[in-house]
Amino acid sequence: MPLTTIDDVAAIVVIDMQKGIVAMPTVHPGAEIAERIGRLLPVFRAKQMPVVLVNVAGRAPGRTEPSPPFTPPPDW
């Protein structure tokens, strides 16, 4: 369903849109997601509504299970 209105008490939270994550195969192509975010952010900002950009770098404190081996490429 297309988004046609935004509630007065809404916020937009954008999580992990760095280059490496967007390039991964997902249900919706990363370029499509980035384009939609690019259309929504100016609307939220123009209405002075909250915009939260989250970059997850690491894992929750206290977690003890091993992480899978992964070395991101230099342009991640």
PDB file of N, CA and C in Angstrom:
ATOM      1  N   MET A   1       0.842  -1.166   0.000  1.00  0.00           N
ATOM      2  CA  MET A   1       0.000   0.000   0.000  1.00  0.00           C
ATOM      3  C   MET A   1       0.892   1.235   0.000  1.00  0.00           C
ATOM      4  N   PRO A   2       0.672   2.181  -0.906  1.00  0.00           N
ATOM      5  CA  PRO A   2       1.502   3.384  -0.947  1.00  0.00           C
ATOM      6  C   PRO A   2       1.238   4.296   0.242  1.00  0.00           C
ATOM      7  N   LEU A   3       2.272   4.977   0.650  1.00  0.00           N
ATOM      8  CA  LEU A   3       2.167   5.940   1.741  1.00  0.00           C
ATOM      9  C   LEU A   3       1.660   7.257   1.172  1.00  0.00           C
ATOM     10  N   THR A   4       0.517   7.716   1.668  1.00  0.00           N
ATOM     11  CA  THR A   4      -0.054   8.957   1.151  1.00  0.00           C
ATOM     12  C   THR A   4      -0.120  10.056   2.199  1.00  0.00           C
ATOM     13  N   THR A   5      -0.128   9.694   3.475  1.00  0.00           N
ATOM     14  CA  THR A   5      -0.129  10.680   4.549  1.00  0.00           C
ATOM     15  C   THR A   5       0.813  10.226   5.654  1.00  0.00           C
ATOM     16  N   ILE A   6       1.278  11.174   6.438  1.00  0.00           N
ATOM     17  CA  ILE A   6       2.162  10.878   7.556  1.00  0.00           C
ATOM     18  C   ILE A   6       1.491  11.369   8.824  1.00  0.00           C
ATOM     19  N   ASP A   7       1.390  10.492   9.826  1.00  0.00           N
ATOM     20  CA  ASP A   7       0.807  10.886  11.115  1.00  0.00           C
ATOM     21  C   ASP A   7       1.589  12.045  11.707  1.00  0.00           C
ATOM     22  N   ASP A   8       0.912  12.877  12.472  1.00  0.00           N
ATOM     23  CA  ASP A   8       1.556  14.020  13.110  1.00  0.00           C
ATOM     24  C   ASP A   8       2.576  13.610  14.168  1.00  0.00           C
ATOM     25  N   VAL A   9       2.498  12.397  14.653  1.00  0.00           N
ATOM     26  CA  VAL A   9       3.407  11.939  15.715  1.00  0.00           C
ATOM     27  C   VAL A   9       4.355  10.850  15.212  1.00  0.00           C
ATOM     28  N   ALA A  10       4.688  10.877  13.948  1.00  0.00           N
ATOM     29  CA  ALA A  10       5.564   9.866  13.354  1.00  0.00           C
ATOM     30  C   ALA A  10       7.027  10.285  13.427  1.00  0.00           C
ATOM     31  N   ALA A  11       7.893   9.306  13.274  1.00  0.00           N
ATOM     32  CA  ALA A  11       9.328   9.537  13.120  1.00  0.00           C
ATOM     33  C   ALA A  11       9.799   8.559  12.054  1.00  0.00           C
ATOM     34  N   ILE A  12      10.899   8.869  11.415  1.00  0.00           N
ATOM     35  CA  ILE A  12      11.496   7.923  10.478  1.00  0.00           C
ATOM     36  C   ILE A  12      12.823   7.467  11.085  1.00  0.00           C
ATOM     37  N   VAL A  13      13.015   6.149  11.114  1.00  0.00           N
ATOM     38  CA  VAL A  13      14.246   5.559  11.642  1.00  0.00           C
ATOM     39  C   VAL A  13      14.881   4.782  10.498  1.00  0.00           C
ATOM     40  N   VAL A  14      16.073   5.188  10.094  1.00  0.00           N
ATOM     41  CA  VAL A  14      16.789   4.559   8.991  1.00  0.00           C
ATOM     42  C   VAL A  14      17.955   3.777   9.599  1.00  0.00           C
ATOM     43  N   ILE A  15      17.965   2.463   9.377  1.00  0.00           N
ATOM     44  CA  ILE A  15      18.952   1.597  10.017  1.00  0.00           C
ATOM     45  C   ILE A  15      19.864   0.971   8.972  1.00  0.00           C
ATOM     46  N   ASP A  16      21.168   1.108   9.198  1.00  0.00           N
ATOM     47  CA  ASP A  16      22.206   0.423   8.427  1.00  0.00           C
ATOM     48  C   ASP A  16      22.087   0.576   6.912  1.00  0.00           C
ATOM     49  N   MET A  17      22.137   1.793   6.439  1.00  0.00           N
ATOM     50  CA  MET A  17      22.089   2.026   4.999  1.00  0.00           C
ATOM     51  C   MET A  17      23.473   2.295   4.423  1.00  0.00           C
ATOM     52  N   GLN A  18      24.525   1.772   5.085  1.00  0.00           N
ATOM     53  CA  GLN A  18      25.852   1.956   4.513  1.00  0.00           C
ATOM     54  C   GLN A  18      26.004   1.095   3.262  1.00  0.00           C
ATOM     55  N   LYS A  19      26.978   1.415   2.455  1.00  0.00           N
ATOM     56  CA  LYS A  19      27.172   0.821   1.123  1.00  0.00           C
ATOM     57  C   LYS A  19      27.164  -0.704   1.140  1.00  0.00           C
ATOM     58  N   GLY A  20      27.858  -1.315   2.074  1.00  0.00           N
ATOM     59  CA  GLY A  20      27.942  -2.774   2.116  1.00  0.00           C
ATOM     60  C   GLY A  20      26.611  -3.443   2.392  1.00  0.00           C
ATOM     61  N   ILE A  21      25.828  -2.880   3.273  1.00  0.00           N
ATOM     62  CA  ILE A  21      24.522  -3.459   3.599  1.00  0.00           C
ATOM     63  C   ILE A  21      23.568  -3.304   2.413  1.00  0.00           C
ATOM     64  N   VAL A  22      23.555  -2.134   1.813  1.00  0.00           N
ATOM     65  CA  VAL A  22      22.646  -1.877   0.686  1.00  0.00           C
ATOM     66  C   VAL A  22      22.972  -2.786  -0.500  1.00  0.00           C
ATOM     67  N   ALA A  23      24.221  -3.178  -0.654  1.00  0.00           N
ATOM     68  CA  ALA A  23      24.620  -4.027  -1.772  1.00  0.00           C
ATOM     69  C   ALA A  23      24.243  -5.498  -1.576  1.00  0.00           C
ATOM     70  N   MET A  24      23.863  -5.873  -0.368  1.00  0.00           N
ATOM     71  CA  MET A  24      23.519  -7.273  -0.101  1.00  0.00           C
ATOM     72  C   MET A  24      22.179  -7.615  -0.746  1.00  0.00           C
ATOM     73  N   PRO A  25      22.002  -8.891  -1.131  1.00  0.00           N
ATOM     74  CA  PRO A  25      20.722  -9.285  -1.729  1.00  0.00           C
ATOM     75  C   PRO A  25      19.618  -9.277  -0.659  1.00  0.00           C
ATOM     76  N   THR A  26      18.522  -8.605  -0.957  1.00  0.00           N
ATOM     77  CA  THR A  26      17.385  -8.524  -0.052  1.00  0.00           C
ATOM     78  C   THR A  26      16.090  -8.672  -0.847  1.00  0.00           C
ATOM     79  N   VAL A  27      14.979  -8.757  -0.148  1.00  0.00           N
ATOM     80  CA  VAL A  27      13.685  -8.897  -0.819  1.00  0.00           C
ATOM     81  C   VAL A  27      13.432  -7.717  -1.742  1.00  0.00           C
ATOM     82  N   HIS A  28      13.696  -6.504  -1.242  1.00  0.00           N
ATOM     83  CA  HIS A  28      13.571  -5.298  -2.062  1.00  0.00           C
ATOM     84  C   HIS A  28      14.986  -4.816  -2.358  1.00  0.00           C
ATOM     85  N   PRO A  29      15.310  -4.514  -3.610  1.00  0.00           N
ATOM     86  CA  PRO A  29      16.666  -4.073  -3.958  1.00  0.00           C
ATOM     87  C   PRO A  29      17.095  -2.840  -3.159  1.00  0.00           C
ATOM     88  N   GLY A  30      18.352  -2.824  -2.755  1.00  0.00           N
ATOM     89  CA  GLY A  30      18.898  -1.725  -1.966  1.00  0.00           C
ATOM     90  C   GLY A  30      18.707  -0.371  -2.614  1.00  0.00           C
ATOM     91  N   ALA A  31      18.851  -0.304  -3.930  1.00  0.00           N
ATOM     92  CA  ALA A  31      18.678   0.976  -4.634  1.00  0.00           C
ATOM     93  C   ALA A  31      17.247   1.478  -4.495  1.00  0.00           C
ATOM     94  N   GLU A  32      16.290   0.578  -4.534  1.00  0.00           N
ATOM     95  CA  GLU A  32      14.875   0.957  -4.383  1.00  0.00           C
ATOM     96  C   GLU A  32      14.618   1.476  -2.966  1.00  0.00           C
ATOM     97  N   ILE A  33      15.178   0.805  -1.977  1.00  0.00           N
ATOM     98  CA  ILE A  33      15.012   1.233  -0.587  1.00  0.00           C
ATOM     99  C   ILE A  33      15.640   2.611  -0.385  1.00  0.00           C
ATOM    100  N   ALA A  34      16.856   2.799  -0.893  1.00  0.00           N
ATOM    101  CA  ALA A  34      17.547   4.088  -0.753  1.00  0.00           C
ATOM    102  C   ALA A  34      16.759   5.205  -1.433  1.00  0.00           C
ATOM    103  N   GLU A  35      16.168   4.916  -2.578  1.00  0.00           N
ATOM    104  CA  GLU A  35      15.387   5.923  -3.302  1.00  0.00           C
ATOM    105  C   GLU A  35      14.154   6.325  -2.485  1.00  0.00           C
ATOM    106  N   ARG A  36      13.498   5.356  -1.881  1.00  0.00           N
ATOM    107  CA  ARG A  36      12.317   5.652  -1.060  1.00  0.00           C
ATOM    108  C   ARG A  36      12.696   6.476   0.169  1.00  0.00           C
ATOM    109  N   ILE A  37      13.794   6.106   0.798  1.00  0.00           N
ATOM    110  CA  ILE A  37      14.267   6.869   1.952  1.00  0.00           C
ATOM    111  C   ILE A  37      14.591   8.299   1.517  1.00  0.00           C
ATOM    112  N   GLY A  38      15.226   8.435   0.353  1.00  0.00           N
ATOM    113  CA  GLY A  38      15.573   9.754  -0.164  1.00  0.00           C
ATOM    114  C   GLY A  38      14.362  10.634  -0.414  1.00  0.00           C
ATOM    115  N   ARG A  39      13.226  10.035  -0.722  1.00  0.00           N
ATOM    116  CA  ARG A  39      11.994  10.810  -0.907  1.00  0.00           C
ATOM    117  C   ARG A  39      11.341  11.155   0.428  1.00  0.00           C
ATOM    118  N   LEU A  40      11.470  10.267   1.411  1.00  0.00           N
ATOM    119  CA  LEU A  40      10.813  10.495   2.696  1.00  0.00           C
ATOM    120  C   LEU A  40      11.560  11.477   3.598  1.00  0.00           C
ATOM    121  N   LEU A  41      12.879  11.421   3.621  1.00  0.00           N
ATOM    122  CA  LEU A  41      13.638  12.268   4.545  1.00  0.00           C
ATOM    123  C   LEU A  41      13.324  13.756   4.399  1.00  0.00           C
ATOM    124  N   PRO A  42      13.302  14.324   3.194  1.00  0.00           N
ATOM    125  CA  PRO A  42      12.991  15.758   3.089  1.00  0.00           C
ATOM    126  C   PRO A  42      11.586  16.101   3.592  1.00  0.00           C
ATOM    127  N   VAL A  43      10.652  15.180   3.431  1.00  0.00           N
ATOM    128  CA  VAL A  43       9.289  15.428   3.908  1.00  0.00           C
ATOM    129  C   VAL A  43       9.283  15.509   5.430  1.00  0.00           C
ATOM    130  N   PHE A  44       9.944  14.555   6.082  1.00  0.00           N
ATOM    131  CA  PHE A  44      10.010  14.571   7.544  1.00  0.00           C
ATOM    132  C   PHE A  44      10.735  15.817   8.040  1.00  0.00           C
ATOM    133  N   ARG A  45      11.839  16.153   7.396  1.00  0.00           N
ATOM    134  CA  ARG A  45      12.603  17.331   7.826  1.00  0.00           C
ATOM    135  C   ARG A  45      11.806  18.621   7.616  1.00  0.00           C
ATOM    136  N   ALA A  46      11.104  18.721   6.515  1.00  0.00           N
ATOM    137  CA  ALA A  46      10.307  19.926   6.238  1.00  0.00           C
ATOM    138  C   ALA A  46       9.206  20.105   7.281  1.00  0.00           C
ATOM    139  N   LYS A  47       8.684  19.004   7.787  1.00  0.00           N
ATOM    140  CA  LYS A  47       7.639  19.060   8.808  1.00  0.00           C
ATOM    141  C   LYS A  47       8.231  19.082  10.220  1.00  0.00           C
ATOM    142  N   GLN A  48       9.563  19.172  10.312  1.00  0.00           N
ATOM    143  CA  GLN A  48      10.285  19.171  11.582  1.00  0.00           C
ATOM    144  C   GLN A  48       9.925  17.965  12.436  1.00  0.00           C
ATOM    145  N   MET A  49       9.831  16.805  11.768  1.00  0.00           N
ATOM    146  CA  MET A  49       9.535  15.548  12.445  1.00  0.00           C
ATOM    147  C   MET A  49      10.855  14.801  12.671  1.00  0.00           C
ATOM    148  N   PRO A  50      10.895  13.937  13.667  1.00  0.00           N
ATOM    149  CA  PRO A  50      12.151  13.253  13.987  1.00  0.00           C
ATOM    150  C   PRO A  50      12.677  12.379  12.852  1.00  0.00           C
ATOM    151  N   VAL A  51      13.979  12.511  12.604  1.00  0.00           N
ATOM    152  CA  VAL A  51      14.715  11.665  11.665  1.00  0.00           C
ATOM    153  C   VAL A  51      15.855  11.046  12.457  1.00  0.00           C
ATOM    154  N   VAL A  52      15.895   9.715  12.514  1.00  0.00           N
ATOM    155  CA  VAL A  52      16.923   9.009  13.280  1.00  0.00           C
ATOM    156  C   VAL A  52      17.707   8.135  12.317  1.00  0.00           C
ATOM    157  N   LEU A  53      19.024   8.373  12.227  1.00  0.00           N
ATOM    158  CA  LEU A  53      19.897   7.576  11.371  1.00  0.00           C
ATOM    159  C   LEU A  53      20.736   6.677  12.276  1.00  0.00           C
ATOM    160  N   VAL A  54      20.640   5.365  12.072  1.00  0.00           N
ATOM    161  CA  VAL A  54      21.313   4.400  12.935  1.00  0.00           C
ATOM    162  C   VAL A  54      22.337   3.632  12.127  1.00  0.00           C
ATOM    163  N   ASN A  55      23.559   3.563  12.637  1.00  0.00           N
ATOM    164  CA  ASN A  55      24.619   2.760  12.041  1.00  0.00           C
ATOM    165  C   ASN A  55      25.065   1.765  13.108  1.00  0.00           C
ATOM    166  N   VAL A  56      24.710   0.513  12.917  1.00  0.00           N
ATOM    167  CA  VAL A  56      25.060  -0.518  13.892  1.00  0.00           C
ATOM    168  C   VAL A  56      26.493  -0.946  13.632  1.00  0.00           C
ATOM    169  N   ALA A  57      27.339  -0.718  14.606  1.00  0.00           N
ATOM    170  CA  ALA A  57      28.759  -1.072  14.471  1.00  0.00           C
ATOM    171  C   ALA A  57      29.154  -1.904  15.683  1.00  0.00           C
ATOM    172  N   GLY A  58      28.994  -3.177  15.590  1.00  0.00           N
ATOM    173  CA  GLY A  58      29.322  -4.052  16.705  1.00  0.00           C
ATOM    174  C   GLY A  58      28.092  -4.817  17.134  1.00  0.00           C
ATOM    175  N   ARG A  59      28.106  -5.203  18.386  1.00  0.00           N
ATOM    176  CA  ARG A  59      26.961  -5.944  18.896  1.00  0.00           C
ATOM    177  C   ARG A  59      26.670  -5.521  20.326  1.00  0.00           C
ATOM    178  N   ALA A  60      25.576  -5.993  20.844  1.00  0.00           N
ATOM    179  CA  ALA A  60      25.132  -5.581  22.169  1.00  0.00           C
ATOM    180  C   ALA A  60      26.176  -5.940  23.231  1.00  0.00           C
ATOM    181  N   PRO A  61      26.419  -5.029  24.181  1.00  0.00           N
ATOM    182  CA  PRO A  61      27.351  -5.321  25.267  1.00  0.00           C
ATOM    183  C   PRO A  61      26.906  -6.562  26.049  1.00  0.00           C
ATOM    184  N   GLY A  62      27.870  -7.369  26.435  1.00  0.00           N
ATOM    185  CA  GLY A  62      27.573  -8.551  27.234  1.00  0.00           C
ATOM    186  C   GLY A  62      27.296  -9.800  26.442  1.00  0.00           C
ATOM    187  N   ARG A  63      27.159  -9.693  25.121  1.00  0.00           N
ATOM    188  CA  ARG A  63      26.925 -10.894  24.312  1.00  0.00           C
ATOM    189  C   ARG A  63      28.205 -11.711  24.269  1.00  0.00           C
ATOM    190  N   THR A  64      28.089 -13.009  24.433  1.00  0.00           N
ATOM    191  CA  THR A  64      29.282 -13.852  24.508  1.00  0.00           C
ATOM    192  C   THR A  64      29.390 -14.878  23.390  1.00  0.00           C
ATOM    193  N   GLU A  65      28.325 -15.092  22.608  1.00  0.00           N
ATOM    194  CA  GLU A  65      28.425 -16.082  21.536  1.00  0.00           C
ATOM    195  C   GLU A  65      29.369 -15.572  20.448  1.00  0.00           C
ATOM    196  N   PRO A  66      30.094 -16.479  19.812  1.00  0.00           N
ATOM    197  CA  PRO A  66      31.045 -16.034  18.785  1.00  0.00           C
ATOM    198  C   PRO A  66      30.333 -15.463  17.565  1.00  0.00           C
ATOM    199  N   SER A  67      30.941 -14.465  16.972  1.00  0.00           N
ATOM    200  CA  SER A  67      30.424 -13.888  15.733  1.00  0.00           C
ATOM    201  C   SER A  67      30.953 -14.687  14.559  1.00  0.00           C
ATOM    202  N   PRO A  68      30.176 -14.795  13.487  1.00  0.00           N
ATOM    203  CA  PRO A  68      30.708 -15.459  12.299  1.00  0.00           C
ATOM    204  C   PRO A  68      31.877 -14.656  11.746  1.00  0.00           C
ATOM    205  N   PRO A  69      32.875 -15.335  11.196  1.00  0.00           N
ATOM    206  CA  PRO A  69      34.017 -14.590  10.650  1.00  0.00           C
ATOM    207  C   PRO A  69      33.586 -13.717   9.475  1.00  0.00           C
ATOM    208  N   PHE A  70      33.949 -12.466   9.534  1.00  0.00           N
ATOM    209  CA  PHE A  70      33.590 -11.543   8.463  1.00  0.00           C
ATOM    210  C   PHE A  70      34.554 -10.374   8.483  1.00  0.00           C
ATOM    211  N   THR A  71      35.154 -10.113   7.346  1.00  0.00           N
ATOM    212  CA  THR A  71      36.006  -8.940   7.189  1.00  0.00           C
ATOM    213  C   THR A  71      35.416  -8.106   6.059  1.00  0.00           C
ATOM    214  N   PRO A  72      34.861  -6.936   6.395  1.00  0.00           N
ATOM    215  CA  PRO A  72      34.243  -6.145   5.331  1.00  0.00           C
ATOM    216  C   PRO A  72      35.298  -5.614   4.354  1.00  0.00           C
ATOM    217  N   PRO A  73      34.912  -5.451   3.087  1.00  0.00           N
ATOM    218  CA  PRO A  73      35.840  -4.890   2.126  1.00  0.00           C
ATOM    219  C   PRO A  73      36.152  -3.431   2.465  1.00  0.00           C
ATOM    220  N   PRO A  74      37.239  -2.882   1.919  1.00  0.00           N
ATOM    221  CA  PRO A  74      37.630  -1.508   2.249  1.00  0.00           C
ATOM    222  C   PRO A  74      36.555  -0.457   1.966  1.00  0.00           C
ATOM    223  N   ASP A  75      35.698  -0.661   0.965  1.00  0.00           N
ATOM    224  CA  ASP A  75      34.687   0.342   0.641  1.00  0.00           C
ATOM    225  C   ASP A  75      33.339   0.061   1.295  1.00  0.00           C
ATOM    226  N   TRP A  76      33.337  -0.720   2.350  1.00  0.00           N
ATOM    227  CA  TRP A  76      32.105  -1.118   3.029  1.00  0.00           C
ATOM    228  C   TRP A  76      31.335   0.101   3.429  1.00  0.00           C
TER     229      TRP A  76
END
